[in-house]
Amino acid sequence: MGFRFNVRVILMSVFVIVQFFWGCISYQFVRRVEGTDVVAPGDEFQVGKTTLGETLSLLGAPSMLVGLEDRDLLIYQRAVFHRNRLALGIPVFEIWGPNVDFSAYGAQVSYNTLTLFFTSDRILRQIVFEKEVSYPHLKTNFEKKQNP
């Protein structure tokens, strides 16, 4: 019994080593960025004083502009998508049937968001800044309002 076990372990080890040399192993890394760089607001943004025009001249065009009743909402957002994938194919089995493929992957998205709320007089009312969060802040709030 012990001899057969050792032979099986040795054969499996040889098979794994051979697979690494003649099999198909691939690693894929994908990084995609949507939007422009979003930084934390500085002292130039003061609630009750900063105007919509000043904000647009400092930050440029927002990623999204939303009109809420008589108020404006500027959203500056950057999304960074990371994906890793490792695949191991065993071409030996193509002789007897389809190729066996073992793969694993993981993905992560992080958001940097600066949201600026303005009154009907176009004066800054509120600032919300989020850095490297996994889910955009406003998407959850808007979905809750639309789907009560």
C-alpha atoms as a PDB file:
ATOM      1  CA  MET A   1       0.000   0.000   0.000  1.00  0.00           C
ATOM      2  CA  GLY A   2       2.802   2.412   0.915  1.00  0.00           C
ATOM      3  CA  PHE A   3       4.674   1.710  -2.337  1.00  0.00           C
ATOM      4  CA  ARG A   4       1.594   2.431  -4.503  1.00  0.00           C
ATOM      5  CA  PHE A   5       0.931   5.658  -2.600  1.00  0.00           C
ATOM      6  CA  ASN A   6       4.504   6.844  -3.214  1.00  0.00           C
ATOM      7  CA  VAL A   7       4.244   5.996  -6.914  1.00  0.00           C
ATOM      8  CA  ARG A   8       0.993   7.981  -7.199  1.00  0.00           C
ATOM      9  CA  VAL A   9       2.495  10.983  -5.454  1.00  0.00           C
ATOM     10  CA  ILE A  10       5.565  10.860  -7.693  1.00  0.00           C
ATOM     11  CA  LEU A  11       3.456  10.476 -10.860  1.00  0.00           C
ATOM     12  CA  MET A  12       1.188  13.357  -9.839  1.00  0.00           C
ATOM     13  CA  SER A  13       4.218  15.528  -9.092  1.00  0.00           C
ATOM     14  CA  VAL A  14       5.746  14.717 -12.473  1.00  0.00           C
ATOM     15  CA  PHE A  15       2.413  15.450 -14.181  1.00  0.00           C
ATOM     16  CA  VAL A  16       2.144  18.853 -12.467  1.00  0.00           C
ATOM     17  CA  ILE A  17       5.731  19.752 -13.378  1.00  0.00           C
ATOM     18  CA  VAL A  18       5.207  18.692 -17.000  1.00  0.00           C
ATOM     19  CA  GLN A  19       1.977  20.685 -17.086  1.00  0.00           C
ATOM     20  CA  PHE A  20       3.805  23.839 -16.074  1.00  0.00           C
ATOM     21  CA  PHE A  21       6.187  23.425 -19.004  1.00  0.00           C
ATOM     22  CA  TRP A  22       3.774  22.263 -21.740  1.00  0.00           C
ATOM     23  CA  GLY A  23       0.405  23.398 -20.464  1.00  0.00           C
ATOM     24  CA  CYS A  24      -1.111  26.776 -20.979  1.00  0.00           C
ATOM     25  CA  ILE A  25      -0.759  29.104 -18.017  1.00  0.00           C
ATOM     26  CA  SER A  26      -1.777  32.717 -18.402  1.00  0.00           C
ATOM     27  CA  TYR A  27      -2.076  35.711 -16.135  1.00  0.00           C
ATOM     28  CA  GLN A  28      -4.035  38.794 -17.100  1.00  0.00           C
ATOM     29  CA  PHE A  29      -4.068  42.155 -15.348  1.00  0.00           C
ATOM     30  CA  VAL A  30      -6.512  44.821 -16.501  1.00  0.00           C
ATOM     31  CA  ARG A  31      -6.635  48.372 -15.197  1.00  0.00           C
ATOM     32  CA  ARG A  32      -9.145  50.813 -16.615  1.00  0.00           C
ATOM     33  CA  VAL A  33      -9.715  54.406 -15.519  1.00  0.00           C
ATOM     34  CA  GLU A  34     -12.863  56.393 -16.261  1.00  0.00           C
ATOM     35  CA  GLY A  35     -13.088  60.094 -15.493  1.00  0.00           C
ATOM     36  CA  THR A  36     -10.502  62.656 -14.528  1.00  0.00           C
ATOM     37  CA  ASP A  37      -8.462  62.909 -11.352  1.00  0.00           C
ATOM     38  CA  VAL A  38     -10.550  63.993  -8.354  1.00  0.00           C
ATOM     39  CA  VAL A  39      -8.780  65.646  -5.432  1.00  0.00           C
ATOM     40  CA  ALA A  40     -10.020  66.715  -2.016  1.00  0.00           C
ATOM     41  CA  PRO A  41     -11.449  70.231  -2.040  1.00  0.00           C
ATOM     42  CA  GLY A  42      -9.121  72.861  -0.644  1.00  0.00           C
ATOM     43  CA  ASP A  43      -9.631  76.180   1.139  1.00  0.00           C
ATOM     44  CA  GLU A  44     -10.779  77.825  -2.088  1.00  0.00           C
ATOM     45  CA  PHE A  45     -14.164  76.110  -1.632  1.00  0.00           C
ATOM     46  CA  GLN A  46     -16.133  77.718   1.190  1.00  0.00           C
ATOM     47  CA  VAL A  47     -19.738  76.847   1.934  1.00  0.00           C
ATOM     48  CA  GLY A  48     -21.913  79.956   1.640  1.00  0.00           C
ATOM     49  CA  LYS A  49     -19.311  81.933  -0.348  1.00  0.00           C
ATOM     50  CA  THR A  50     -18.017  80.019  -3.383  1.00  0.00           C
ATOM     51  CA  THR A  51     -20.119  80.491  -6.521  1.00  0.00           C
ATOM     52  CA  LEU A  52     -20.926  78.018  -9.286  1.00  0.00           C
ATOM     53  CA  GLY A  53     -18.887  80.075 -11.758  1.00  0.00           C
ATOM     54  CA  GLU A  54     -15.805  80.041  -9.524  1.00  0.00           C
ATOM     55  CA  THR A  55     -16.127  76.283  -9.073  1.00  0.00           C
ATOM     56  CA  LEU A  56     -16.363  75.653 -12.814  1.00  0.00           C
ATOM     57  CA  SER A  57     -13.359  77.879 -13.488  1.00  0.00           C
ATOM     58  CA  LEU A  58     -11.284  76.015 -10.866  1.00  0.00           C
ATOM     59  CA  LEU A  59     -12.353  72.419 -11.608  1.00  0.00           C
ATOM     60  CA  GLY A  60     -13.585  72.550 -15.182  1.00  0.00           C
ATOM     61  CA  ALA A  61     -16.523  70.580 -16.525  1.00  0.00           C
ATOM     62  CA  PRO A  62     -17.992  68.006 -14.122  1.00  0.00           C
ATOM     63  CA  SER A  63     -18.495  64.324 -14.883  1.00  0.00           C
ATOM     64  CA  MET A  64     -22.201  64.843 -14.304  1.00  0.00           C
ATOM     65  CA  LEU A  65     -24.491  67.841 -13.802  1.00  0.00           C
ATOM     66  CA  VAL A  66     -27.836  67.229 -12.097  1.00  0.00           C
ATOM     67  CA  GLY A  67     -30.614  69.748 -11.677  1.00  0.00           C
ATOM     68  CA  LEU A  68     -32.674  69.122  -8.539  1.00  0.00           C
ATOM     69  CA  GLU A  69     -35.735  71.383  -8.443  1.00  0.00           C
ATOM     70  CA  ASP A  70     -34.137  74.822  -8.061  1.00  0.00           C
ATOM     71  CA  ARG A  71     -30.685  73.560  -7.069  1.00  0.00           C
ATOM     72  CA  ASP A  72     -27.666  72.333  -9.014  1.00  0.00           C
ATOM     73  CA  LEU A  73     -25.468  69.377  -8.227  1.00  0.00           C
ATOM     74  CA  LEU A  74     -21.986  69.000  -9.743  1.00  0.00           C
ATOM     75  CA  ILE A  75     -20.402  65.544  -9.598  1.00  0.00           C
ATOM     76  CA  TYR A  76     -16.718  64.969 -10.321  1.00  0.00           C
ATOM     77  CA  GLN A  77     -15.995  61.260 -10.364  1.00  0.00           C
ATOM     78  CA  ARG A  78     -13.155  58.917 -11.220  1.00  0.00           C
ATOM     79  CA  ALA A  79     -13.571  55.135 -11.297  1.00  0.00           C
ATOM     80  CA  VAL A  80     -10.578  52.788 -11.312  1.00  0.00           C
ATOM     81  CA  PHE A  81     -11.270  49.184 -12.302  1.00  0.00           C
ATOM     82  CA  HIS A  82      -8.749  46.421 -11.463  1.00  0.00           C
ATOM     83  CA  ARG A  83      -9.096  42.834 -12.612  1.00  0.00           C
ATOM     84  CA  ASN A  84      -6.713  39.903 -12.173  1.00  0.00           C
ATOM     85  CA  ARG A  85      -7.185  36.552 -13.880  1.00  0.00           C
ATOM     86  CA  LEU A  86      -5.139  33.361 -13.677  1.00  0.00           C
ATOM     87  CA  ALA A  87      -5.922  30.513 -16.072  1.00  0.00           C
ATOM     88  CA  LEU A  88      -4.424  27.030 -16.330  1.00  0.00           C
ATOM     89  CA  GLY A  89      -5.282  24.890 -19.353  1.00  0.00           C
ATOM     90  CA  ILE A  90      -4.398  21.227 -19.719  1.00  0.00           C
ATOM     91  CA  PRO A  91      -4.016  20.499 -23.447  1.00  0.00           C
ATOM     92  CA  VAL A  92      -3.248  16.796 -22.863  1.00  0.00           C
ATOM     93  CA  PHE A  93      -6.960  16.174 -22.465  1.00  0.00           C
ATOM     94  CA  GLU A  94      -7.741  17.564 -25.932  1.00  0.00           C
ATOM     95  CA  ILE A  95      -6.984  14.097 -27.292  1.00  0.00           C
ATOM     96  CA  TRP A  96      -9.875  12.553 -25.346  1.00  0.00           C
ATOM     97  CA  GLY A  97     -12.310  15.475 -25.277  1.00  0.00           C
ATOM     98  CA  PRO A  98     -12.550  19.164 -24.550  1.00  0.00           C
ATOM     99  CA  ASN A  99      -9.679  21.032 -22.983  1.00  0.00           C
ATOM    100  CA  VAL A 100      -9.810  21.299 -19.200  1.00  0.00           C
ATOM    101  CA  ASP A 101      -9.493  24.878 -18.014  1.00  0.00           C
ATOM    102  CA  PHE A 102      -9.044  26.001 -14.429  1.00  0.00           C
ATOM    103  CA  SER A 103      -9.316  29.721 -13.889  1.00  0.00           C
ATOM    104  CA  ALA A 104      -9.759  32.202 -11.088  1.00  0.00           C
ATOM    105  CA  TYR A 105     -10.281  35.918 -11.205  1.00  0.00           C
ATOM    106  CA  GLY A 106     -11.002  38.871  -8.980  1.00  0.00           C
ATOM    107  CA  ALA A 107     -12.168  42.375  -9.729  1.00  0.00           C
ATOM    108  CA  GLN A 108     -12.331  45.596  -7.764  1.00  0.00           C
ATOM    109  CA  VAL A 109     -13.643  49.051  -8.570  1.00  0.00           C
ATOM    110  CA  SER A 110     -12.792  52.089  -6.491  1.00  0.00           C
ATOM    111  CA  TYR A 111     -14.384  55.513  -6.809  1.00  0.00           C
ATOM    112  CA  ASN A 112     -13.139  58.993  -5.987  1.00  0.00           C
ATOM    113  CA  THR A 113     -16.087  61.371  -5.937  1.00  0.00           C
ATOM    114  CA  LEU A 114     -16.458  65.074  -5.253  1.00  0.00           C
ATOM    115  CA  THR A 115     -20.058  66.268  -5.077  1.00  0.00           C
ATOM    116  CA  LEU A 116     -20.894  69.947  -4.784  1.00  0.00           C
ATOM    117  CA  PHE A 117     -24.431  71.127  -3.992  1.00  0.00           C
ATOM    118  CA  PHE A 118     -25.442  74.678  -4.968  1.00  0.00           C
ATOM    119  CA  THR A 119     -28.448  76.771  -3.938  1.00  0.00           C
ATOM    120  CA  SER A 120     -30.822  78.411  -6.395  1.00  0.00           C
ATOM    121  CA  ASP A 121     -28.607  81.526  -6.099  1.00  0.00           C
ATOM    122  CA  ARG A 122     -25.669  79.409  -7.348  1.00  0.00           C
ATOM    123  CA  ILE A 123     -23.830  79.547  -3.999  1.00  0.00           C
ATOM    124  CA  LEU A 124     -22.076  76.461  -2.611  1.00  0.00           C
ATOM    125  CA  ARG A 125     -24.291  74.796   0.000  1.00  0.00           C
ATOM    126  CA  GLN A 126     -22.606  71.444   0.739  1.00  0.00           C
ATOM    127  CA  ILE A 127     -19.471  69.460  -0.163  1.00  0.00           C
ATOM    128  CA  VAL A 128     -19.200  65.656  -0.143  1.00  0.00           C
ATOM    129  CA  PHE A 129     -15.838  64.028  -0.913  1.00  0.00           C
ATOM    130  CA  GLU A 130     -15.175  60.288  -0.957  1.00  0.00           C
ATOM    131  CA  LYS A 131     -11.831  58.700  -1.732  1.00  0.00           C
ATOM    132  CA  GLU A 132     -11.358  55.115  -2.943  1.00  0.00           C
ATOM    133  CA  VAL A 133     -14.735  53.740  -1.912  1.00  0.00           C
ATOM    134  CA  SER A 134     -16.101  50.540  -3.431  1.00  0.00           C
ATOM    135  CA  TYR A 135     -19.548  51.905  -4.282  1.00  0.00           C
ATOM    136  CA  PRO A 136     -20.415  55.426  -5.411  1.00  0.00           C
ATOM    137  CA  HIS A 137     -22.201  57.398  -2.681  1.00  0.00           C
ATOM    138  CA  LEU A 138     -24.841  58.996  -4.840  1.00  0.00           C
ATOM    139  CA  LYS A 139     -25.836  55.857  -6.693  1.00  0.00           C
ATOM    140  CA  THR A 140     -27.137  54.294  -3.481  1.00  0.00           C
ATOM    141  CA  ASN A 141     -29.041  57.426  -2.478  1.00  0.00           C
ATOM    142  CA  PHE A 142     -30.656  57.886  -5.898  1.00  0.00           C
ATOM    143  CA  GLU A 143     -31.657  54.205  -6.082  1.00  0.00           C
ATOM    144  CA  LYS A 144     -33.306  54.438  -2.661  1.00  0.00           C
ATOM    145  CA  LYS A 145     -35.325  57.483  -3.743  1.00  0.00           C
ATOM    146  CA  GLN A 146     -36.413  55.914  -7.041  1.00  0.00           C
ATOM    147  CA  ASN A 147     -37.235  52.483  -5.585  1.00  0.00           C
ATOM    148  CA  PRO A 148     -39.060  53.117  -2.286  1.00  0.00           C
END
